[in-house]
C-alpha atoms as a PDB file:
ATOM      1  CA  MET A   1     -51.615 -16.695  -3.755  1.00  0.00           C
ATOM      2  CA  MET A   2     -54.378 -18.931  -2.400  1.00  0.00           C
ATOM      3  CA  ASN A   3     -56.354 -20.763  -5.066  1.00  0.00           C
ATOM      4  CA  ILE A   4     -59.925 -19.487  -5.357  1.00  0.00           C
ATOM      5  CA  ALA A   5     -62.692 -21.250  -7.248  1.00  0.00           C
ATOM      6  CA  LYS A   6     -64.307 -19.532 -10.204  1.00  0.00           C
ATOM      7  CA  GLU A   7     -67.703 -19.615  -8.458  1.00  0.00           C
ATOM      8  CA  HIS A   8     -67.560 -18.270  -4.901  1.00  0.00           C
ATOM      9  CA  LYS A   9     -69.526 -16.003  -2.620  1.00  0.00           C
ATOM     10  CA  VAL A  10     -68.579 -12.352  -2.361  1.00  0.00           C
ATOM     11  CA  ASN A  11     -69.621  -9.657   0.131  1.00  0.00           C
ATOM     12  CA  GLU A  12     -73.410  -9.784   0.816  1.00  0.00           C
ATOM     13  CA  GLN A  13     -73.609 -13.300  -0.655  1.00  0.00           C
ATOM     14  CA  ILE A  14     -71.816 -14.577   2.473  1.00  0.00           C
ATOM     15  CA  ARG A  15     -74.611 -15.456   4.913  1.00  0.00           C
ATOM     16  CA  VAL A  16     -72.804 -17.327   7.721  1.00  0.00           C
ATOM     17  CA  ARG A  17     -72.504 -15.670  11.136  1.00  0.00           C
ATOM     18  CA  GLN A  18     -68.773 -16.147  11.672  1.00  0.00           C
ATOM     19  CA  ILE A  19     -65.773 -16.665   9.414  1.00  0.00           C
ATOM     20  CA  ARG A  20     -62.031 -17.169   9.665  1.00  0.00           C
ATOM     21  CA  LEU A  21     -60.555 -14.049   8.066  1.00  0.00           C
ATOM     22  CA  ILE A  22     -57.323 -13.695   6.098  1.00  0.00           C
ATOM     23  CA  GLY A  23     -56.112 -10.145   5.532  1.00  0.00           C
ATOM     24  CA  ALA A  24     -55.152  -8.527   2.235  1.00  0.00           C
ATOM     25  CA  GLU A  25     -51.469  -9.340   2.797  1.00  0.00           C
ATOM     26  CA  GLY A  26     -52.150 -12.964   3.689  1.00  0.00           C
ATOM     27  CA  GLU A  27     -52.014 -12.413   7.443  1.00  0.00           C
ATOM     28  CA  GLN A  28     -54.267 -14.449   9.725  1.00  0.00           C
ATOM     29  CA  VAL A  29     -56.828 -12.157  11.378  1.00  0.00           C
ATOM     30  CA  GLY A  30     -58.697 -14.981  13.114  1.00  0.00           C
ATOM     31  CA  ILE A  31     -62.338 -15.921  13.690  1.00  0.00           C
ATOM     32  CA  ILE A  32     -64.621 -12.870  13.661  1.00  0.00           C
ATOM     33  CA  ASP A  33     -68.239 -12.008  12.919  1.00  0.00           C
ATOM     34  CA  THR A  34     -69.020 -11.738   9.221  1.00  0.00           C
ATOM     35  CA  ARG A  35     -70.570  -8.326   9.827  1.00  0.00           C
ATOM     36  CA  ASP A  36     -67.275  -7.035  11.281  1.00  0.00           C
ATOM     37  CA  ALA A  37     -65.345  -8.506   8.360  1.00  0.00           C
ATOM     38  CA  MET A  38     -67.664  -6.719   5.930  1.00  0.00           C
ATOM     39  CA  THR A  39     -66.993  -3.446   7.740  1.00  0.00           C
ATOM     40  CA  MET A  40     -63.226  -4.030   7.481  1.00  0.00           C
ATOM     41  CA  ALA A  41     -63.572  -4.760   3.751  1.00  0.00           C
ATOM     42  CA  ARG A  42     -65.536  -1.560   3.089  1.00  0.00           C
ATOM     43  CA  GLU A  43     -63.080   0.567   5.072  1.00  0.00           C
ATOM     44  CA  ALA A  44     -60.174  -0.910   3.110  1.00  0.00           C
ATOM     45  CA  GLY A  45     -61.957  -0.448  -0.225  1.00  0.00           C
ATOM     46  CA  MET A  46     -61.803  -4.198  -0.840  1.00  0.00           C
ATOM     47  CA  ASP A  47     -64.116  -7.214  -1.113  1.00  0.00           C
ATOM     48  CA  LEU A  48     -64.798 -10.052   1.282  1.00  0.00           C
ATOM     49  CA  VAL A  49     -64.423 -13.306  -0.673  1.00  0.00           C
ATOM     50  CA  MET A  50     -65.155 -16.815   0.617  1.00  0.00           C
ATOM     51  CA  VAL A  51     -62.168 -18.943  -0.396  1.00  0.00           C
ATOM     52  CA  SER A  52     -62.854 -22.145   1.558  1.00  0.00           C
ATOM     53  CA  PRO A  53     -66.584 -22.748   2.133  1.00  0.00           C
ATOM     54  CA  GLN A  54     -66.073 -26.286   3.464  1.00  0.00           C
ATOM     55  CA  ALA A  55     -63.971 -25.190   6.445  1.00  0.00           C
ATOM     56  CA  VAL A  56     -65.511 -24.703   9.891  1.00  0.00           C
ATOM     57  CA  PRO A  57     -65.941 -21.791  10.107  1.00  0.00           C
ATOM     58  CA  PRO A  58     -65.622 -20.899   6.373  1.00  0.00           C
ATOM     59  CA  VAL A  59     -62.446 -19.069   5.377  1.00  0.00           C
ATOM     60  CA  CYS A  60     -62.751 -15.633   3.751  1.00  0.00           C
ATOM     61  CA  ARG A  61     -60.173 -13.202   2.469  1.00  0.00           C
ATOM     62  CA  LEU A  62     -59.934  -9.482   1.848  1.00  0.00           C
ATOM     63  CA  LEU A  63     -58.989  -8.711  -1.742  1.00  0.00           C
ATOM     64  CA  ASP A  64     -59.826  -6.615  -4.780  1.00  0.00           C
ATOM     65  CA  TYR A  65     -62.189  -9.073  -6.411  1.00  0.00           C
ATOM     66  CA  GLY A  66     -62.424  -7.258  -9.753  1.00  0.00           C
ATOM     67  CA  ARG A  67     -58.657  -7.177 -10.098  1.00  0.00           C
ATOM     68  CA  PHE A  68     -58.389 -10.806  -9.024  1.00  0.00           C
ATOM     69  CA  ARG A  69     -60.907 -11.951 -11.638  1.00  0.00           C
ATOM     70  CA  TYR A  70     -59.089  -9.975 -14.344  1.00  0.00           C
ATOM     71  CA  GLU A  71     -55.743 -11.560 -13.423  1.00  0.00           C
ATOM     72  CA  GLN A  72     -57.357 -14.993 -13.266  1.00  0.00           C
ATOM     73  CA  GLN A  73     -58.827 -14.558 -16.751  1.00  0.00           C
ATOM     74  CA  GLN A  74     -55.435 -13.411 -18.103  1.00  0.00           C
ATOM     75  CA  ASN A  75     -53.754 -16.468 -16.559  1.00  0.00           C
ATOM     76  CA  GLU A  76     -56.359 -18.757 -18.088  1.00  0.00           C
ATOM     77  CA  LYS A  77     -55.800 -17.127 -21.480  1.00  0.00           C
ATOM     78  CA  GLU A  78     -52.025 -17.657 -21.196  1.00  0.00           C
ATOM     79  CA  ASN A  79     -52.550 -21.274 -20.148  1.00  0.00           C
ATOM     80  CA  ARG A  80     -54.754 -21.896 -23.193  1.00  0.00           C
ATOM     81  CA  LYS A  81     -52.138 -20.250 -25.416  1.00  0.00           C
ATOM     82  CA  ARG A  82     -49.398 -22.473 -23.976  1.00  0.00           C
ATOM     83  CA  ALA A  83     -51.604 -25.542 -24.393  1.00  0.00           C
ATOM     84  CA  ARG A  84     -52.110 -24.695 -28.078  1.00  0.00           C
ATOM     85  CA  ALA A  85     -48.368 -24.133 -28.496  1.00  0.00           C
ATOM     86  CA  GLN A  86     -47.715 -27.638 -27.118  1.00  0.00           C
ATOM     87  CA  GLU A  87     -50.207 -29.272 -29.488  1.00  0.00           C
ATOM     88  CA  VAL A  88     -48.892 -32.282 -31.399  1.00  0.00           C
ATOM     89  CA  LYS A  89     -49.481 -31.936 -35.136  1.00  0.00           C
ATOM     90  CA  ALA A  90     -49.555 -34.905 -37.515  1.00  0.00           C
ATOM     91  CA  ILE A  91     -48.181 -35.379 -41.045  1.00  0.00           C
ATOM     92  CA  LYS A  92     -48.505 -38.655 -42.971  1.00  0.00           C
ATOM     93  CA  PHE A  93     -46.142 -39.987 -45.642  1.00  0.00           C
ATOM     94  CA  ARG A  94     -46.513 -42.942 -47.985  1.00  0.00           C
ATOM     95  CA  VAL A  95     -43.698 -45.411 -48.468  1.00  0.00           C
ATOM     96  CA  LYS A  96     -43.681 -44.705 -52.226  1.00  0.00           C
ATOM     97  CA  ILE A  97     -43.601 -40.912 -52.030  1.00  0.00           C
ATOM     98  CA  ASP A  98     -42.181 -38.830 -54.856  1.00  0.00           C
ATOM     99  CA  ASP A  99     -39.758 -35.961 -54.354  1.00  0.00           C
ATOM    100  CA  HIS A 100     -42.394 -33.255 -54.881  1.00  0.00           C
ATOM    101  CA  ASP A 101     -44.743 -34.646 -52.204  1.00  0.00           C
ATOM    102  CA  PHE A 102     -41.833 -35.246 -49.859  1.00  0.00           C
ATOM    103  CA  LYS A 103     -40.759 -31.622 -50.205  1.00  0.00           C
ATOM    104  CA  THR A 104     -44.328 -30.366 -49.659  1.00  0.00           C
ATOM    105  CA  LYS A 105     -44.983 -32.480 -46.571  1.00  0.00           C
ATOM    106  CA  THR A 106     -41.569 -31.750 -45.093  1.00  0.00           C
ATOM    107  CA  GLY A 107     -42.366 -28.060 -45.580  1.00  0.00           C
ATOM    108  CA  HIS A 108     -45.506 -28.520 -43.468  1.00  0.00           C
ATOM    109  CA  VAL A 109     -43.473 -30.201 -40.743  1.00  0.00           C
ATOM    110  CA  ARG A 110     -40.986 -27.326 -40.804  1.00  0.00           C
ATOM    111  CA  ARG A 111     -43.776 -24.759 -40.442  1.00  0.00           C
ATOM    112  CA  PHE A 112     -45.227 -26.579 -37.425  1.00  0.00           C
ATOM    113  CA  LEU A 113     -41.791 -26.814 -35.793  1.00  0.00           C
ATOM    114  CA  GLU A 114     -41.199 -23.108 -36.396  1.00  0.00           C
ATOM    115  CA  GLU A 115     -44.500 -22.399 -34.607  1.00  0.00           C
ATOM    116  CA  GLY A 116     -43.257 -24.374 -31.600  1.00  0.00           C
ATOM    117  CA  HIS A 117     -45.370 -27.513 -32.120  1.00  0.00           C
ATOM    118  CA  LYS A 118     -44.258 -31.107 -31.872  1.00  0.00           C
ATOM    119  CA  VAL A 119     -45.008 -33.115 -35.013  1.00  0.00           C
ATOM    120  CA  LYS A 120     -45.958 -36.780 -35.297  1.00  0.00           C
ATOM    121  CA  VAL A 121     -44.541 -38.019 -38.587  1.00  0.00           C
ATOM    122  CA  THR A 122     -46.312 -41.201 -39.741  1.00  0.00           C
ATOM    123  CA  ILE A 123     -45.325 -43.611 -42.504  1.00  0.00           C
ATOM    124  CA  MET A 124     -48.388 -45.491 -43.779  1.00  0.00           C
ATOM    125  CA  PHE A 125     -47.726 -49.000 -45.119  1.00  0.00           C
ATOM    126  CA  ARG A 126     -49.948 -50.807 -47.595  1.00  0.00           C
ATOM    127  CA  GLY A 127     -50.212 -54.571 -47.930  1.00  0.00           C
ATOM    128  CA  ARG A 128     -46.826 -56.235 -48.288  1.00  0.00           C
ATOM    129  CA  GLU A 129     -44.995 -52.924 -47.705  1.00  0.00           C
ATOM    130  CA  ARG A 130     -45.228 -53.751 -44.000  1.00  0.00           C
ATOM    131  CA  THR A 131     -42.672 -56.535 -44.522  1.00  0.00           C
ATOM    132  CA  HIS A 132     -40.100 -53.869 -45.386  1.00  0.00           C
ATOM    133  CA  PRO A 133     -39.990 -51.528 -42.359  1.00  0.00           C
ATOM    134  CA  GLU A 134     -36.568 -50.323 -43.475  1.00  0.00           C
ATOM    135  CA  LEU A 135     -38.317 -48.341 -46.229  1.00  0.00           C
ATOM    136  CA  GLY A 136     -40.237 -46.359 -43.610  1.00  0.00           C
ATOM    137  CA  GLU A 137     -37.149 -45.879 -41.474  1.00  0.00           C
ATOM    138  CA  ARG A 138     -35.326 -44.550 -44.529  1.00  0.00           C
ATOM    139  CA  ILE A 139     -38.008 -41.893 -45.082  1.00  0.00           C
ATOM    140  CA  LEU A 140     -38.061 -40.883 -41.406  1.00  0.00           C
ATOM    141  CA  THR A 141     -34.275 -40.590 -41.411  1.00  0.00           C
ATOM    142  CA  ARG A 142     -34.509 -38.382 -44.500  1.00  0.00           C
ATOM    143  CA  VAL A 143     -37.129 -36.206 -42.771  1.00  0.00           C
ATOM    144  CA  SER A 144     -35.027 -35.784 -39.626  1.00  0.00           C
ATOM    145  CA  GLU A 145     -31.906 -34.973 -41.660  1.00  0.00           C
ATOM    146  CA  THR A 146     -33.800 -32.436 -43.809  1.00  0.00           C
ATOM    147  CA  LEU A 147     -35.102 -30.675 -40.687  1.00  0.00           C
ATOM    148  CA  ALA A 148     -32.012 -31.087 -38.502  1.00  0.00           C
ATOM    149  CA  ASP A 149     -31.568 -27.312 -38.366  1.00  0.00           C
ATOM    150  CA  ILE A 150     -34.872 -26.754 -36.577  1.00  0.00           C
ATOM    151  CA  GLY A 151     -35.993 -30.065 -35.023  1.00  0.00           C
ATOM    152  CA  ALA A 152     -34.893 -33.440 -33.752  1.00  0.00           C
ATOM    153  CA  PRO A 153     -36.565 -36.823 -33.157  1.00  0.00           C
ATOM    154  CA  GLU A 154     -37.643 -37.439 -29.572  1.00  0.00           C
ATOM    155  CA  SER A 155     -37.194 -41.217 -29.925  1.00  0.00           C
ATOM    156  CA  MET A 156     -36.527 -43.979 -32.405  1.00  0.00           C
ATOM    157  CA  PRO A 157     -39.270 -44.784 -34.986  1.00  0.00           C
ATOM    158  CA  SER A 158     -41.847 -47.282 -33.696  1.00  0.00           C
ATOM    159  CA  MET A 159     -44.461 -49.458 -35.385  1.00  0.00           C
ATOM    160  CA  MET A 160     -48.130 -49.246 -34.399  1.00  0.00           C
ATOM    161  CA  GLY A 161     -50.434 -51.412 -36.479  1.00  0.00           C
ATOM    162  CA  MET A 162     -49.801 -50.603 -40.133  1.00  0.00           C
ATOM    163  CA  ASP A 163     -48.043 -47.329 -39.363  1.00  0.00           C
ATOM    164  CA  MET A 164     -44.554 -46.296 -38.324  1.00  0.00           C
ATOM    165  CA  ASN A 165     -44.354 -43.170 -36.171  1.00  0.00           C
ATOM    166  CA  MET A 166     -41.718 -40.688 -35.082  1.00  0.00           C
ATOM    167  CA  ILE A 167     -42.172 -37.532 -32.994  1.00  0.00           C
ATOM    168  CA  MET A 168     -40.196 -34.476 -34.081  1.00  0.00           C
ATOM    169  CA  ALA A 169     -39.681 -31.758 -31.455  1.00  0.00           C
ATOM    170  CA  PRO A 170     -38.561 -28.178 -32.154  1.00  0.00           C
ATOM    171  CA  LYS A 171     -35.060 -27.303 -31.112  1.00  0.00           C
ATOM    172  CA  ALA A 172     -34.695 -24.598 -28.492  1.00  0.00           C
ATOM    173  CA  ALA A 173     -33.601 -21.272 -29.930  1.00  0.00           C
ATOM    174  CA  PRO A 174     -29.962 -20.472 -29.023  1.00  0.00           C
ATOM    175  CA  ALA A 175     -29.579 -17.870 -26.309  1.00  0.00           C
ATOM    176  CA  PRO A 176     -28.559 -14.485 -27.746  1.00  0.00           C
ATOM    177  CA  ARG A 177     -24.922 -13.608 -27.184  1.00  0.00           C
ATOM    178  CA  LYS A 178     -24.315 -10.532 -25.126  1.00  0.00           C
ATOM    179  CA  ASP A 179     -22.349  -7.842 -26.879  1.00  0.00           C
ATOM    180  CA  ARG A 180     -19.096  -6.950 -25.212  1.00  0.00           C
ATOM    181  CA  PRO A 181     -16.165  -4.715 -26.141  1.00  0.00           C
ATOM    182  CA  GLU A 182     -13.575  -6.258 -28.426  1.00  0.00           C
ATOM    183  CA  SER A 183     -10.858  -5.575 -25.900  1.00  0.00           C
ATOM    184  CA  GLU A 184     -12.784  -7.449 -23.222  1.00  0.00           C
ATOM    185  CA  GLY A 185     -13.407 -10.411 -25.517  1.00  0.00           C
ATOM    186  CA  ALA A 186      -9.767 -10.528 -26.531  1.00  0.00           C
ATOM    187  CA  GLU A 187      -8.718 -10.417 -22.912  1.00  0.00           C
ATOM    188  CA  LEU A 188     -11.000 -13.301 -21.957  1.00  0.00           C
ATOM    189  CA  ASP A 189     -10.381 -15.444 -25.036  1.00  0.00           C
ATOM    190  CA  ALA A 190      -6.615 -14.985 -25.389  1.00  0.00           C
ATOM    191  CA  PRO A 191      -4.453 -17.895 -24.194  1.00  0.00           C
ATOM    192  CA  VAL A 192      -2.601 -17.394 -20.934  1.00  0.00           C
ATOM    193  CA  ALA A 193       1.110 -16.820 -21.474  1.00  0.00           C
ATOM    194  CA  VAL A 194       3.400 -19.076 -19.455  1.00  0.00           C
ATOM    195  CA  PRO A 195       6.539 -17.324 -18.144  1.00  0.00           C
ATOM    196  CA  ALA A 196       9.621 -18.520 -20.016  1.00  0.00           C
ATOM    197  CA  ALA A 197      13.043 -19.253 -18.586  1.00  0.00           C
ATOM    198  CA  PRO A 198      15.155 -16.099 -17.912  1.00  0.00           C
ATOM    199  CA  ALA A 199      17.584 -16.851 -20.732  1.00  0.00           C
ATOM    200  CA  ALA A 200      14.932 -17.153 -23.423  1.00  0.00           C
ATOM    201  CA  ALA A 201      12.484 -14.552 -24.689  1.00  0.00           C
ATOM    202  CA  ALA A 202       8.842 -15.228 -23.956  1.00  0.00           C
ATOM    203  CA  PRO A 203       7.001 -16.309 -27.144  1.00  0.00           C
ATOM    204  CA  GLU A 204       4.119 -14.182 -28.288  1.00  0.00           C
ATOM    205  CA  PRO A 205       0.726 -15.757 -27.658  1.00  0.00           C
ATOM    206  CA  THR A 206      -0.821 -17.411 -30.697  1.00  0.00           C
ATOM    207  CA  ALA A 207      -4.233 -16.064 -31.733  1.00  0.00           C
ATOM    208  CA  THR A 208      -7.011 -18.583 -31.229  1.00  0.00           C
ATOM    209  CA  VAL A 209      -9.497 -18.962 -34.040  1.00  0.00           C
END
């Protein structure tokens, strides 16, 4: 469908003498008087909406404006919902973190991943700790291994200033298996028997586990 700006002229707000009209099904009607286009809109129980005011002459379209605005608002709501779902959360760890704090923070990361968010896991170094980046890498490896069932690192850990960062992304949920009759599954999964020589009996197929 043609993109229409949020603020546009509708019906009596259109004051130009002629327009290029597009019908309700997207067909090109052509250049006609605005008054005639208004009559067509009323007879069809629709609205005349200016969709391209900069064109010469301006382009208008017949449509149900109320329905269009409702659908546009629903689309905007879905877009905002998707944008929130793609938000990158952030959790910070210290190099010298105890097991209790590690478990708590890793639990936060898990919750964000379950909600569909990406998570930026940051190791904060203090003073001379920065000379031992392997300590941060060890913690990030432990985080990724702990959450391997639900997320995975997007890239290798990287240093930025005094911090080491790693982005964890949620794993896609496995597609549900379609139920099928046992006989059908056995028929598809069973190995194909190869005909044996006439003198020997054909061996029974071995069940595949």
